[in-house]
């Protein structure tokens, strides 16, 4: 898949809007997603994690080489605890992750503002997650009503979050569609 829009760092750039105009198959993820990181936008291939108030897999992933990818974490929209805080965000930056998008909560907002990556989430929660070792990484996930697979392309900016399917399969909205 060829995506031609590049991040310029221009705060006026309308990344997701331009991508939606160019890619009719782009899926807009319902939010509102708020950016807590230092970068206003991100775009790139995703790695995916689905979990239930447990950030064990998130922690492990962000301590690995990110290769300029974006970690998409589906916590089912739960804001009972945070999936990412200041320490993990710094690991993400140090290990080459471009961004993190959480269908759930983050914490340590003051620290996150200083980490030079994009960090989008639904909300904040000061409570850390429980470490139970549950979740799935690398398998297709339902992210806020859209099936997302590893290597799909995600873009996020102040306008919202979108998913564009990687070549070879279709991204399905979970409105009766099968992935």
Foldseek 3Di string as FASTA:
>chain_A
DDDDDDDPQPLPDPVVVVVCVVDVQKAFFDADKDWLAQRQKAKFFEKEKEDALAQPVVQVVLQAAQQQHEYEYENPLEAPAANEELVSLQSNLVRRHQEYAYSYEHDNSVSRHHRPHTYIYRYYDHHHGDHPPDIDIQQFDQHNQKTDGGGWMWMQGNVGIITHGDPDDGIDGNPVDDD
